[in-house]
Amino acid sequence: MTVESAELLEELDGKEAQFDYLILIDLKLKNTSDHDLDVDDIMTSLVVTDDLDGPGFPDAAPAFDSAKELSGTIKTGEELTGQFITEAYDSHKYYFKVLSGTVAAGGSNQVIWTIPADEAK
């Protein structure tokens, strides 16, 4: 997975952020494994948070008409691009990460992207 870009928004598609911002993350997924991957499983294991030890907000891309939702299956060697959108509080930096439960269950390595707020505005 590659984070292509991130943007903090106050509204999208006429829907205002419930907290301080919406964060829109453009992603590219590439299947480098030897089996098909379920994109829905990947997307439900990701959150954005401003506190590494705290809970995060899940993907809400299906709630936005203009969002390019990531779903379906990625076959070996294929790539898929789309967006992750969720709520965010005002912070100096954001963490886009795999849920700790997914890591503990062996479903993924712990992966964390740090997104500085000044680069997402």
PDB file of N, CA and C in Angstrom:
ATOM      1  N   MET A   1       0.851  -1.168   0.000  1.00  0.00           N
ATOM      2  CA  MET A   1       0.000   0.000   0.000  1.00  0.00           C
ATOM      3  C   MET A   1       0.898   1.234   0.000  1.00  0.00           C
ATOM      4  N   THR A   2       0.527   2.205  -0.809  1.00  0.00           N
ATOM      5  CA  THR A   2       1.249   3.462  -0.890  1.00  0.00           C
ATOM      6  C   THR A   2       0.278   4.598  -0.639  1.00  0.00           C
ATOM      7  N   VAL A   3       0.641   5.489   0.279  1.00  0.00           N
ATOM      8  CA  VAL A   3      -0.134   6.708   0.485  1.00  0.00           C
ATOM      9  C   VAL A   3       0.384   7.715  -0.529  1.00  0.00           C
ATOM     10  N   GLU A   4      -0.472   8.067  -1.483  1.00  0.00           N
ATOM     11  CA  GLU A   4      -0.091   8.996  -2.538  1.00  0.00           C
ATOM     12  C   GLU A   4      -0.180  10.449  -2.066  1.00  0.00           C
ATOM     13  N   SER A   5      -1.253  10.777  -1.315  1.00  0.00           N
ATOM     14  CA  SER A   5      -1.423  12.132  -0.799  1.00  0.00           C
ATOM     15  C   SER A   5      -2.478  12.119   0.296  1.00  0.00           C
ATOM     16  N   ALA A   6      -2.517  13.206   1.054  1.00  0.00           N
ATOM     17  CA  ALA A   6      -3.530  13.377   2.101  1.00  0.00           C
ATOM     18  C   ALA A   6      -3.943  14.835   2.124  1.00  0.00           C
ATOM     19  N   GLU A   7      -5.236  15.051   2.394  1.00  0.00           N
ATOM     20  CA  GLU A   7      -5.758  16.419   2.404  1.00  0.00           C
ATOM     21  C   GLU A   7      -6.774  16.563   3.529  1.00  0.00           C
ATOM     22  N   LEU A   8      -6.646  17.643   4.292  1.00  0.00           N
ATOM     23  CA  LEU A   8      -7.625  17.962   5.330  1.00  0.00           C
ATOM     24  C   LEU A   8      -8.697  18.855   4.723  1.00  0.00           C
ATOM     25  N   LEU A   9      -9.951  18.483   4.923  1.00  0.00           N
ATOM     26  CA  LEU A   9     -11.084  19.214   4.364  1.00  0.00           C
ATOM     27  C   LEU A   9     -12.068  19.561   5.466  1.00  0.00           C
ATOM     28  N   GLU A  10     -12.771  20.677   5.304  1.00  0.00           N
ATOM     29  CA  GLU A  10     -13.829  21.018   6.255  1.00  0.00           C
ATOM     30  C   GLU A  10     -15.165  20.438   5.821  1.00  0.00           C
ATOM     31  N   GLU A  11     -15.297  20.150   4.514  1.00  0.00           N
ATOM     32  CA  GLU A  11     -16.513  19.515   4.001  1.00  0.00           C
ATOM     33  C   GLU A  11     -16.196  18.816   2.685  1.00  0.00           C
ATOM     34  N   LEU A  12     -17.050  17.863   2.342  1.00  0.00           N
ATOM     35  CA  LEU A  12     -16.937  17.149   1.074  1.00  0.00           C
ATOM     36  C   LEU A  12     -18.339  16.746   0.661  1.00  0.00           C
ATOM     37  N   ASP A  13     -18.669  16.991  -0.577  1.00  0.00           N
ATOM     38  CA  ASP A  13     -19.996  16.666  -1.114  1.00  0.00           C
ATOM     39  C   ASP A  13     -21.122  17.292  -0.299  1.00  0.00           C
ATOM     40  N   GLY A  14     -20.868  18.492   0.238  1.00  0.00           N
ATOM     41  CA  GLY A  14     -21.881  19.179   1.029  1.00  0.00           C
ATOM     42  C   GLY A  14     -22.028  18.654   2.445  1.00  0.00           C
ATOM     43  N   LYS A  15     -21.206  17.698   2.835  1.00  0.00           N
ATOM     44  CA  LYS A  15     -21.240  17.143   4.195  1.00  0.00           C
ATOM     45  C   LYS A  15     -20.084  17.736   4.985  1.00  0.00           C
ATOM     46  N   GLU A  16     -20.423  18.439   6.066  1.00  0.00           N
ATOM     47  CA  GLU A  16     -19.388  19.047   6.900  1.00  0.00           C
ATOM     48  C   GLU A  16     -18.796  18.023   7.850  1.00  0.00           C
ATOM     49  N   ALA A  17     -17.539  18.239   8.211  1.00  0.00           N
ATOM     50  CA  ALA A  17     -16.877  17.377   9.191  1.00  0.00           C
ATOM     51  C   ALA A  17     -17.627  17.461  10.513  1.00  0.00           C
ATOM     52  N   GLN A  18     -17.826  16.333  11.167  1.00  0.00           N
ATOM     53  CA  GLN A  18     -18.496  16.308  12.466  1.00  0.00           C
ATOM     54  C   GLN A  18     -17.568  16.812  13.564  1.00  0.00           C
ATOM     55  N   PHE A  19     -16.284  16.613  13.373  1.00  0.00           N
ATOM     56  CA  PHE A  19     -15.301  17.088  14.334  1.00  0.00           C
ATOM     57  C   PHE A  19     -14.595  18.286  13.704  1.00  0.00           C
ATOM     58  N   ASP A  20     -13.280  18.290  13.626  1.00  0.00           N
ATOM     59  CA  ASP A  20     -12.585  19.438  13.055  1.00  0.00           C
ATOM     60  C   ASP A  20     -12.408  19.346  11.544  1.00  0.00           C
ATOM     61  N   TYR A  21     -12.068  18.148  11.060  1.00  0.00           N
ATOM     62  CA  TYR A  21     -11.776  17.956   9.639  1.00  0.00           C
ATOM     63  C   TYR A  21     -12.259  16.599   9.160  1.00  0.00           C
ATOM     64  N   LEU A  22     -12.285  16.498   7.841  1.00  0.00           N
ATOM     65  CA  LEU A  22     -12.300  15.213   7.158  1.00  0.00           C
ATOM     66  C   LEU A  22     -10.890  15.065   6.617  1.00  0.00           C
ATOM     67  N   ILE A  23     -10.350  13.866   6.657  1.00  0.00           N
ATOM     68  CA  ILE A  23      -9.059  13.650   6.028  1.00  0.00           C
ATOM     69  C   ILE A  23      -9.280  12.696   4.867  1.00  0.00           C
ATOM     70  N   LEU A  24      -8.816  13.113   3.705  1.00  0.00           N
ATOM     71  CA  LEU A  24      -8.961  12.361   2.467  1.00  0.00           C
ATOM     72  C   LEU A  24      -7.582  11.861   2.072  1.00  0.00           C
ATOM     73  N   ILE A  25      -7.434  10.554   2.003  1.00  0.00           N
ATOM     74  CA  ILE A  25      -6.138   9.944   1.693  1.00  0.00           C
ATOM     75  C   ILE A  25      -6.257   9.195   0.373  1.00  0.00           C
ATOM     76  N   ASP A  26      -5.407   9.546  -0.584  1.00  0.00           N
ATOM     77  CA  ASP A  26      -5.341   8.832  -1.858  1.00  0.00           C
ATOM     78  C   ASP A  26      -4.365   7.676  -1.707  1.00  0.00           C
ATOM     79  N   LEU A  27      -4.839   6.478  -2.072  1.00  0.00           N
ATOM     80  CA  LEU A  27      -4.058   5.261  -1.872  1.00  0.00           C
ATOM     81  C   LEU A  27      -3.853   4.495  -3.166  1.00  0.00           C
ATOM     82  N   LYS A  28      -2.764   3.740  -3.189  1.00  0.00           N
ATOM     83  CA  LYS A  28      -2.541   2.756  -4.248  1.00  0.00           C
ATOM     84  C   LYS A  28      -2.253   1.424  -3.552  1.00  0.00           C
ATOM     85  N   LEU A  29      -3.021   0.408  -3.913  1.00  0.00           N
ATOM     86  CA  LEU A  29      -2.803  -0.934  -3.389  1.00  0.00           C
ATOM     87  C   LEU A  29      -2.245  -1.800  -4.500  1.00  0.00           C
ATOM     88  N   LYS A  30      -1.219  -2.572  -4.207  1.00  0.00           N
ATOM     89  CA  LYS A  30      -0.662  -3.513  -5.173  1.00  0.00           C
ATOM     90  C   LYS A  30      -0.560  -4.873  -4.495  1.00  0.00           C
ATOM     91  N   ASN A  31      -1.061  -5.886  -5.173  1.00  0.00           N
ATOM     92  CA  ASN A  31      -1.000  -7.243  -4.630  1.00  0.00           C
ATOM     93  C   ASN A  31       0.319  -7.883  -5.039  1.00  0.00           C
ATOM     94  N   THR A  32       1.224  -8.006  -4.082  1.00  0.00           N
ATOM     95  CA  THR A  32       2.520  -8.634  -4.321  1.00  0.00           C
ATOM     96  C   THR A  32       2.547 -10.070  -3.804  1.00  0.00           C
ATOM     97  N   SER A  33       1.386 -10.549  -3.339  1.00  0.00           N
ATOM     98  CA  SER A  33       1.314 -11.919  -2.816  1.00  0.00           C
ATOM     99  C   SER A  33       1.028 -12.899  -3.954  1.00  0.00           C
ATOM    100  N   ASP A  34       0.941 -14.165  -3.617  1.00  0.00           N
ATOM    101  CA  ASP A  34       0.646 -15.192  -4.618  1.00  0.00           C
ATOM    102  C   ASP A  34      -0.818 -15.636  -4.577  1.00  0.00           C
ATOM    103  N   HIS A  35      -1.680 -14.810  -3.956  1.00  0.00           N
ATOM    104  CA  HIS A  35      -3.114 -15.113  -3.906  1.00  0.00           C
ATOM    105  C   HIS A  35      -3.927 -13.810  -3.984  1.00  0.00           C
ATOM    106  N   ASP A  36      -5.188 -13.938  -4.346  1.00  0.00           N
ATOM    107  CA  ASP A  36      -6.066 -12.774  -4.421  1.00  0.00           C
ATOM    108  C   ASP A  36      -6.243 -12.159  -3.034  1.00  0.00           C
ATOM    109  N   LEU A  37      -6.401 -10.840  -2.988  1.00  0.00           N
ATOM    110  CA  LEU A  37      -6.614 -10.132  -1.721  1.00  0.00           C
ATOM    111  C   LEU A  37      -7.994  -9.488  -1.714  1.00  0.00           C
ATOM    112  N   ASP A  38      -8.676  -9.584  -0.586  1.00  0.00           N
ATOM    113  CA  ASP A  38      -9.978  -8.960  -0.398  1.00  0.00           C
ATOM    114  C   ASP A  38      -9.744  -7.526   0.073  1.00  0.00           C
ATOM    115  N   VAL A  39     -10.072  -6.565  -0.769  1.00  0.00           N
ATOM    116  CA  VAL A  39      -9.830  -5.156  -0.461  1.00  0.00           C
ATOM    117  C   VAL A  39     -10.666  -4.707   0.735  1.00  0.00           C
ATOM    118  N   ASP A  40     -11.890  -5.226   0.868  1.00  0.00           N
ATOM    119  CA  ASP A  40     -12.740  -4.850   1.997  1.00  0.00           C
ATOM    120  C   ASP A  40     -12.077  -5.220   3.325  1.00  0.00           C
ATOM    121  N   ASP A  41     -11.411  -6.379   3.377  1.00  0.00           N
ATOM    122  CA  ASP A  41     -10.690  -6.770   4.597  1.00  0.00           C
ATOM    123  C   ASP A  41      -9.573  -5.784   4.913  1.00  0.00           C
ATOM    124  N   ILE A  42      -8.883  -5.346   3.879  1.00  0.00           N
ATOM    125  CA  ILE A  42      -7.787  -4.385   4.070  1.00  0.00           C
ATOM    126  C   ILE A  42      -8.342  -3.059   4.588  1.00  0.00           C
ATOM    127  N   MET A  43      -9.382  -2.560   3.936  1.00  0.00           N
ATOM    128  CA  MET A  43      -9.917  -1.246   4.290  1.00  0.00           C
ATOM    129  C   MET A  43     -10.524  -1.215   5.694  1.00  0.00           C
ATOM    130  N   THR A  44     -11.146  -2.304   6.131  1.00  0.00           N
ATOM    131  CA  THR A  44     -11.733  -2.319   7.474  1.00  0.00           C
ATOM    132  C   THR A  44     -10.676  -2.471   8.565  1.00  0.00           C
ATOM    133  N   SER A  45      -9.440  -2.757   8.169  1.00  0.00           N
ATOM    134  CA  SER A  45      -8.369  -2.881   9.162  1.00  0.00           C
ATOM    135  C   SER A  45      -7.573  -1.591   9.323  1.00  0.00           C
ATOM    136  N   LEU A  46      -7.978  -0.524   8.642  1.00  0.00           N
ATOM    137  CA  LEU A  46      -7.242   0.742   8.668  1.00  0.00           C
ATOM    138  C   LEU A  46      -8.014   1.825   9.398  1.00  0.00           C
ATOM    139  N   VAL A  47      -7.284   2.691  10.102  1.00  0.00           N
ATOM    140  CA  VAL A  47      -7.877   3.838  10.794  1.00  0.00           C
ATOM    141  C   VAL A  47      -6.932   5.031  10.705  1.00  0.00           C
ATOM    142  N   VAL A  48      -7.488   6.206  10.978  1.00  0.00           N
ATOM    143  CA  VAL A  48      -6.695   7.431  11.145  1.00  0.00           C
ATOM    144  C   VAL A  48      -6.889   7.897  12.579  1.00  0.00           C
ATOM    145  N   THR A  49      -5.800   8.301  13.216  1.00  0.00           N
ATOM    146  CA  THR A  49      -5.851   8.797  14.584  1.00  0.00           C
ATOM    147  C   THR A  49      -4.806   9.894  14.765  1.00  0.00           C
ATOM    148  N   ASP A  50      -4.993  10.707  15.785  1.00  0.00           N
ATOM    149  CA  ASP A  50      -3.960  11.695  16.123  1.00  0.00           C
ATOM    150  C   ASP A  50      -3.196  11.251  17.367  1.00  0.00           C
ATOM    151  N   ASP A  51      -3.521  10.054  17.882  1.00  0.00           N
ATOM    152  CA  ASP A  51      -2.897   9.499  19.082  1.00  0.00           C
ATOM    153  C   ASP A  51      -2.590   8.028  18.820  1.00  0.00           C
ATOM    154  N   LEU A  52      -1.311   7.687  18.741  1.00  0.00           N
ATOM    155  CA  LEU A  52      -0.927   6.306  18.432  1.00  0.00           C
ATOM    156  C   LEU A  52      -1.505   5.290  19.402  1.00  0.00           C
ATOM    157  N   ASP A  53      -1.708   5.694  20.651  1.00  0.00           N
ATOM    158  CA  ASP A  53      -2.231   4.768  21.651  1.00  0.00           C
ATOM    159  C   ASP A  53      -3.754   4.790  21.755  1.00  0.00           C
ATOM    160  N   GLY A  54      -4.383   5.698  21.045  1.00  0.00           N
ATOM    161  CA  GLY A  54      -5.836   5.836  21.119  1.00  0.00           C
ATOM    162  C   GLY A  54      -6.534   5.162  19.952  1.00  0.00           C
ATOM    163  N   PRO A  55      -7.859   5.173  20.008  1.00  0.00           N
ATOM    164  CA  PRO A  55      -8.618   4.588  18.901  1.00  0.00           C
ATOM    165  C   PRO A  55      -8.539   5.485  17.671  1.00  0.00           C
ATOM    166  N   GLY A  56      -8.972   4.973  16.575  1.00  0.00           N
ATOM    167  CA  GLY A  56      -8.956   5.759  15.355  1.00  0.00           C
ATOM    168  C   GLY A  56     -10.310   5.748  14.681  1.00  0.00           C
ATOM    169  N   PHE A  57     -10.401   6.478  13.593  1.00  0.00           N
ATOM    170  CA  PHE A  57     -11.632   6.559  12.819  1.00  0.00           C
ATOM    171  C   PHE A  57     -11.499   5.699  11.565  1.00  0.00           C
ATOM    172  N   PRO A  58     -12.509   4.871  11.270  1.00  0.00           N
ATOM    173  CA  PRO A  58     -12.463   3.992  10.094  1.00  0.00           C
ATOM    174  C   PRO A  58     -12.832   4.732   8.808  1.00  0.00           C
ATOM    175  N   ASP A  59     -12.701   4.024   7.708  1.00  0.00           N
ATOM    176  CA  ASP A  59     -13.006   4.560   6.388  1.00  0.00           C
ATOM    177  C   ASP A  59     -14.498   4.837   6.244  1.00  0.00           C
ATOM    178  N   ALA A  60     -14.812   6.020   5.736  1.00  0.00           N
ATOM    179  CA  ALA A  60     -16.199   6.406   5.476  1.00  0.00           C
ATOM    180  C   ALA A  60     -16.409   6.748   4.001  1.00  0.00           C
ATOM    181  N   ALA A  61     -15.506   6.309   3.133  1.00  0.00           N
ATOM    182  CA  ALA A  61     -15.605   6.639   1.710  1.00  0.00           C
ATOM    183  C   ALA A  61     -16.958   6.285   1.092  1.00  0.00           C
ATOM    184  N   PRO A  62     -17.595   5.166   1.487  1.00  0.00           N
ATOM    185  CA  PRO A  62     -18.898   4.851   0.874  1.00  0.00           C
ATOM    186  C   PRO A  62     -19.975   5.917   1.121  1.00  0.00           C
ATOM    187  N   ALA A  63     -19.797   6.777   2.110  1.00  0.00           N
ATOM    188  CA  ALA A  63     -20.793   7.799   2.437  1.00  0.00           C
ATOM    189  C   ALA A  63     -20.662   9.058   1.571  1.00  0.00           C
ATOM    190  N   PHE A  64     -19.643   9.110   0.717  1.00  0.00           N
ATOM    191  CA  PHE A  64     -19.392  10.292  -0.101  1.00  0.00           C
ATOM    192  C   PHE A  64     -19.473   9.941  -1.589  1.00  0.00           C
ATOM    193  N   ASP A  65     -20.317  10.677  -2.298  1.00  0.00           N
ATOM    194  CA  ASP A  65     -20.535  10.406  -3.721  1.00  0.00           C
ATOM    195  C   ASP A  65     -19.283  10.590  -4.569  1.00  0.00           C
ATOM    196  N   SER A  66     -18.463  11.564  -4.241  1.00  0.00           N
ATOM    197  CA  SER A  66     -17.299  11.858  -5.079  1.00  0.00           C
ATOM    198  C   SER A  66     -16.082  10.997  -4.745  1.00  0.00           C
ATOM    199  N   ALA A  67     -16.163  10.221  -3.680  1.00  0.00           N
ATOM    200  CA  ALA A  67     -15.020   9.398  -3.272  1.00  0.00           C
ATOM    201  C   ALA A  67     -14.872   8.183  -4.179  1.00  0.00           C
ATOM    202  N   LYS A  68     -13.636   7.818  -4.425  1.00  0.00           N
ATOM    203  CA  LYS A  68     -13.345   6.594  -5.170  1.00  0.00           C
ATOM    204  C   LYS A  68     -13.089   5.494  -4.131  1.00  0.00           C
ATOM    205  N   GLU A  69     -14.159   4.790  -3.808  1.00  0.00           N
ATOM    206  CA  GLU A  69     -14.110   3.754  -2.772  1.00  0.00           C
ATOM    207  C   GLU A  69     -13.231   2.586  -3.223  1.00  0.00           C
ATOM    208  N   LEU A  70     -12.474   2.054  -2.291  1.00  0.00           N
ATOM    209  CA  LEU A  70     -11.655   0.869  -2.548  1.00  0.00           C
ATOM    210  C   LEU A  70     -12.440  -0.354  -2.092  1.00  0.00           C
ATOM    211  N   SER A  71     -12.727  -1.252  -3.009  1.00  0.00           N
ATOM    212  CA  SER A  71     -13.442  -2.478  -2.662  1.00  0.00           C
ATOM    213  C   SER A  71     -13.178  -3.527  -3.731  1.00  0.00           C
ATOM    214  N   GLY A  72     -13.631  -4.732  -3.457  1.00  0.00           N
ATOM    215  CA  GLY A  72     -13.473  -5.815  -4.423  1.00  0.00           C
ATOM    216  C   GLY A  72     -12.281  -6.693  -4.115  1.00  0.00           C
ATOM    217  N   THR A  73     -11.699  -7.233  -5.168  1.00  0.00           N
ATOM    218  CA  THR A  73     -10.577  -8.163  -5.055  1.00  0.00           C
ATOM    219  C   THR A  73      -9.431  -7.669  -5.925  1.00  0.00           C
ATOM    220  N   ILE A  74      -8.227  -7.823  -5.423  1.00  0.00           N
ATOM    221  CA  ILE A  74      -7.033  -7.514  -6.216  1.00  0.00           C
ATOM    222  C   ILE A  74      -6.334  -8.835  -6.507  1.00  0.00           C
ATOM    223  N   LYS A  75      -6.166  -9.144  -7.770  1.00  0.00           N
ATOM    224  CA  LYS A  75      -5.461 -10.362  -8.173  1.00  0.00           C
ATOM    225  C   LYS A  75      -3.954 -10.133  -8.090  1.00  0.00           C
ATOM    226  N   THR A  76      -3.205 -11.203  -8.024  1.00  0.00           N
ATOM    227  CA  THR A  76      -1.747 -11.147  -7.949  1.00  0.00           C
ATOM    228  C   THR A  76      -1.182 -10.254  -9.051  1.00  0.00           C
ATOM    229  N   GLY A  77      -0.334  -9.316  -8.647  1.00  0.00           N
ATOM    230  CA  GLY A  77       0.324  -8.422  -9.584  1.00  0.00           C
ATOM    231  C   GLY A  77      -0.492  -7.206  -9.987  1.00  0.00           C
ATOM    232  N   GLU A  78      -1.770  -7.157  -9.620  1.00  0.00           N
ATOM    233  CA  GLU A  78      -2.613  -6.030 -10.002  1.00  0.00           C
ATOM    234  C   GLU A  78      -2.507  -4.885  -9.000  1.00  0.00           C
ATOM    235  N   GLU A  79      -2.867  -3.671  -9.471  1.00  0.00           N
ATOM    236  CA  GLU A  79      -2.896  -2.476  -8.634  1.00  0.00           C
ATOM    237  C   GLU A  79      -4.300  -1.897  -8.648  1.00  0.00           C
ATOM    238  N   LEU A  80      -4.637  -1.204  -7.581  1.00  0.00           N
ATOM    239  CA  LEU A  80      -5.932  -0.549  -7.456  1.00  0.00           C
ATOM    240  C   LEU A  80      -5.695   0.782  -6.760  1.00  0.00           C
ATOM    241  N   THR A  81      -6.327   1.842  -7.248  1.00  0.00           N
ATOM    242  CA  THR A  81      -6.219   3.140  -6.594  1.00  0.00           C
ATOM    243  C   THR A  81      -7.591   3.565  -6.093  1.00  0.00           C
ATOM    244  N   GLY A  82      -7.590   4.339  -5.039  1.00  0.00           N
ATOM    245  CA  GLY A  82      -8.840   4.828  -4.478  1.00  0.00           C
ATOM    246  C   GLY A  82      -8.573   5.739  -3.298  1.00  0.00           C
ATOM    247  N   GLN A  83      -9.623   5.946  -2.487  1.00  0.00           N
ATOM    248  CA  GLN A  83      -9.514   6.907  -1.393  1.00  0.00           C
ATOM    249  C   GLN A  83     -10.047   6.353  -0.082  1.00  0.00           C
ATOM    250  N   PHE A  84      -9.439   6.806   0.988  1.00  0.00           N
ATOM    251  CA  PHE A  84      -9.860   6.553   2.360  1.00  0.00           C
ATOM    252  C   PHE A  84     -10.262   7.917   2.908  1.00  0.00           C
ATOM    253  N   ILE A  85     -11.467   8.015   3.478  1.00  0.00           N
ATOM    254  CA  ILE A  85     -11.940   9.290   4.032  1.00  0.00           C
ATOM    255  C   ILE A  85     -12.473   9.032   5.435  1.00  0.00           C
ATOM    256  N   THR A  86     -12.120   9.908   6.364  1.00  0.00           N
ATOM    257  CA  THR A  86     -12.656   9.768   7.708  1.00  0.00           C
ATOM    258  C   THR A  86     -12.595  11.098   8.451  1.00  0.00           C
ATOM    259  N   GLU A  87     -13.151  11.096   9.643  1.00  0.00           N
ATOM    260  CA  GLU A  87     -13.120  12.270  10.520  1.00  0.00           C
ATOM    261  C   GLU A  87     -11.734  12.421  11.145  1.00  0.00           C
ATOM    262  N   ALA A  88     -11.405  13.632  11.557  1.00  0.00           N
ATOM    263  CA  ALA A  88     -10.136  13.892  12.232  1.00  0.00           C
ATOM    264  C   ALA A  88     -10.278  15.117  13.122  1.00  0.00           C
ATOM    265  N   TYR A  89      -9.628  15.059  14.276  1.00  0.00           N
ATOM    266  CA  TYR A  89      -9.538  16.218  15.149  1.00  0.00           C
ATOM    267  C   TYR A  89      -8.362  17.073  14.697  1.00  0.00           C
ATOM    268  N   ASP A  90      -8.346  18.333  15.090  1.00  0.00           N
ATOM    269  CA  ASP A  90      -7.229  19.210  14.786  1.00  0.00           C
ATOM    270  C   ASP A  90      -5.986  18.683  15.502  1.00  0.00           C
ATOM    271  N   SER A  91      -4.897  18.540  14.773  1.00  0.00           N
ATOM    272  CA  SER A  91      -3.666  18.001  15.335  1.00  0.00           C
ATOM    273  C   SER A  91      -2.488  18.465  14.485  1.00  0.00           C
ATOM    274  N   HIS A  92      -1.284  18.306  15.015  1.00  0.00           N
ATOM    275  CA  HIS A  92      -0.079  18.632  14.259  1.00  0.00           C
ATOM    276  C   HIS A  92       0.295  17.515  13.298  1.00  0.00           C
ATOM    277  N   LYS A  93      -0.129  16.276  13.646  1.00  0.00           N
ATOM    278  CA  LYS A  93       0.141  15.147  12.770  1.00  0.00           C
ATOM    279  C   LYS A  93      -0.923  14.079  12.964  1.00  0.00           C
ATOM    280  N   TYR A  94      -1.059  13.267  11.945  1.00  0.00           N
ATOM    281  CA  TYR A  94      -2.037  12.190  11.930  1.00  0.00           C
ATOM    282  C   TYR A  94      -1.322  10.884  11.619  1.00  0.00           C
ATOM    283  N   TYR A  95      -1.882   9.808  12.122  1.00  0.00           N
ATOM    284  CA  TYR A  95      -1.335   8.485  11.875  1.00  0.00           C
ATOM    285  C   TYR A  95      -2.374   7.660  11.139  1.00  0.00           C
ATOM    286  N   PHE A  96      -1.987   7.119  10.008  1.00  0.00           N
ATOM    287  CA  PHE A  96      -2.813   6.214   9.224  1.00  0.00           C
ATOM    288  C   PHE A  96      -2.209   4.848   9.466  1.00  0.00           C
ATOM    289  N   LYS A  97      -2.989   3.950  10.086  1.00  0.00           N
ATOM    290  CA  LYS A  97      -2.372   2.710  10.540  1.00  0.00           C
ATOM    291  C   LYS A  97      -3.325   1.526  10.481  1.00  0.00           C
ATOM    292  N   VAL A  98      -2.723   0.354  10.594  1.00  0.00           N
ATOM    293  CA  VAL A  98      -3.464  -0.897  10.703  1.00  0.00           C
ATOM    294  C   VAL A  98      -3.900  -1.044  12.159  1.00  0.00           C
ATOM    295  N   LEU A  99      -5.140  -1.466  12.359  1.00  0.00           N
ATOM    296  CA  LEU A  99      -5.649  -1.684  13.719  1.00  0.00           C
ATOM    297  C   LEU A  99      -4.763  -2.661  14.486  1.00  0.00           C
ATOM    298  N   SER A 100      -4.512  -2.369  15.756  1.00  0.00           N
ATOM    299  CA  SER A 100      -3.646  -3.232  16.563  1.00  0.00           C
ATOM    300  C   SER A 100      -4.223  -4.643  16.695  1.00  0.00           C
ATOM    301  N   GLY A 101      -5.539  -4.797  16.695  1.00  0.00           N
ATOM    302  CA  GLY A 101      -6.161  -6.123  16.767  1.00  0.00           C
ATOM    303  C   GLY A 101      -5.857  -6.970  15.546  1.00  0.00           C
ATOM    304  N   THR A 102      -5.802  -6.327  14.386  1.00  0.00           N
ATOM    305  CA  THR A 102      -5.457  -7.037  13.149  1.00  0.00           C
ATOM    306  C   THR A 102      -4.017  -7.521  13.208  1.00  0.00           C
ATOM    307  N   VAL A 103      -3.146  -6.687  13.745  1.00  0.00           N
ATOM    308  CA  VAL A 103      -1.735  -7.054  13.893  1.00  0.00           C
ATOM    309  C   VAL A 103      -1.595  -8.188  14.903  1.00  0.00           C
ATOM    310  N   ALA A 104      -2.264  -8.061  16.058  1.00  0.00           N
ATOM    311  CA  ALA A 104      -2.182  -9.081  17.115  1.00  0.00           C
ATOM    312  C   ALA A 104      -2.701 -10.435  16.636  1.00  0.00           C
ATOM    313  N   ALA A 105      -3.692 -10.417  15.764  1.00  0.00           N
ATOM    314  CA  ALA A 105      -4.263 -11.661  15.247  1.00  0.00           C
ATOM    315  C   ALA A 105      -3.422 -12.254  14.115  1.00  0.00           C
ATOM    316  N   GLY A 106      -2.361 -11.564  13.722  1.00  0.00           N
ATOM    317  CA  GLY A 106      -1.490 -12.063  12.668  1.00  0.00           C
ATOM    318  C   GLY A 106      -1.970 -11.737  11.267  1.00  0.00           C
ATOM    319  N   GLY A 107      -2.950 -10.857  11.155  1.00  0.00           N
ATOM    320  CA  GLY A 107      -3.496 -10.512   9.844  1.00  0.00           C
ATOM    321  C   GLY A 107      -2.646  -9.533   9.063  1.00  0.00           C
ATOM    322  N   SER A 108      -1.709  -8.865   9.735  1.00  0.00           N
ATOM    323  CA  SER A 108      -0.870  -7.868   9.077  1.00  0.00           C
ATOM    324  C   SER A 108       0.314  -7.527   9.971  1.00  0.00           C
ATOM    325  N   ASN A 109       1.353  -7.020   9.358  1.00  0.00           N
ATOM    326  CA  ASN A 109       2.424  -6.391  10.120  1.00  0.00           C
ATOM    327  C   ASN A 109       1.905  -5.031  10.571  1.00  0.00           C
ATOM    328  N   GLN A 110       2.494  -4.470  11.612  1.00  0.00           N
ATOM    329  CA  GLN A 110       2.104  -3.116  12.022  1.00  0.00           C
ATOM    330  C   GLN A 110       2.700  -2.130  11.028  1.00  0.00           C
ATOM    331  N   VAL A 111       1.845  -1.386  10.416  1.00  0.00           N
ATOM    332  CA  VAL A 111       2.247  -0.392   9.439  1.00  0.00           C
ATOM    333  C   VAL A 111       1.626   0.936   9.859  1.00  0.00           C
ATOM    334  N   ILE A 112       2.450   1.982   9.924  1.00  0.00           N
ATOM    335  CA  ILE A 112       1.967   3.302  10.333  1.00  0.00           C
ATOM    336  C   ILE A 112       2.566   4.352   9.402  1.00  0.00           C
ATOM    337  N   TRP A 113       1.694   5.162   8.820  1.00  0.00           N
ATOM    338  CA  TRP A 113       2.134   6.309   8.045  1.00  0.00           C
ATOM    339  C   TRP A 113       1.895   7.548   8.904  1.00  0.00           C
ATOM    340  N   THR A 114       2.878   8.428   8.995  1.00  0.00           N
ATOM    341  CA  THR A 114       2.716   9.688   9.708  1.00  0.00           C
ATOM    342  C   THR A 114       2.451  10.778   8.679  1.00  0.00           C
ATOM    343  N   ILE A 115       1.359  11.513   8.900  1.00  0.00           N
ATOM    344  CA  ILE A 115       0.973  12.569   7.961  1.00  0.00           C
ATOM    345  C   ILE A 115       1.015  13.898   8.716  1.00  0.00           C
ATOM    346  N   PRO A 116       2.021  14.729   8.459  1.00  0.00           N
ATOM    347  CA  PRO A 116       2.082  16.049   9.099  1.00  0.00           C
ATOM    348  C   PRO A 116       0.915  16.911   8.601  1.00  0.00           C
ATOM    349  N   ALA A 117       0.253  17.598   9.523  1.00  0.00           N
ATOM    350  CA  ALA A 117      -0.910  18.416   9.169  1.00  0.00           C
ATOM    351  C   ALA A 117      -0.561  19.487   8.154  1.00  0.00           C
ATOM    352  N   ASP A 118       0.627  20.095   8.268  1.00  0.00           N
ATOM    353  CA  ASP A 118       0.967  21.162   7.342  1.00  0.00           C
ATOM    354  C   ASP A 118       1.173  20.652   5.906  1.00  0.00           C
ATOM    355  N   GLU A 119       1.379  19.352   5.732  1.00  0.00           N
ATOM    356  CA  GLU A 119       1.496  18.785   4.399  1.00  0.00           C
ATOM    357  C   GLU A 119       0.148  18.343   3.855  1.00  0.00           C
ATOM    358  N   ALA A 120      -0.876  18.315   4.701  1.00  0.00           N
ATOM    359  CA  ALA A 120      -2.213  17.851   4.288  1.00  0.00           C
ATOM    360  C   ALA A 120      -3.184  18.999   4.088  1.00  0.00           C
ATOM    361  N   LYS A 121      -2.728  20.236   4.257  1.00  0.00           N
ATOM    362  CA  LYS A 121      -3.639  21.386   4.106  1.00  0.00           C
ATOM    363  C   LYS A 121      -3.524  22.001   2.745  1.00  0.00           C
TER     364      LYS A 121
END
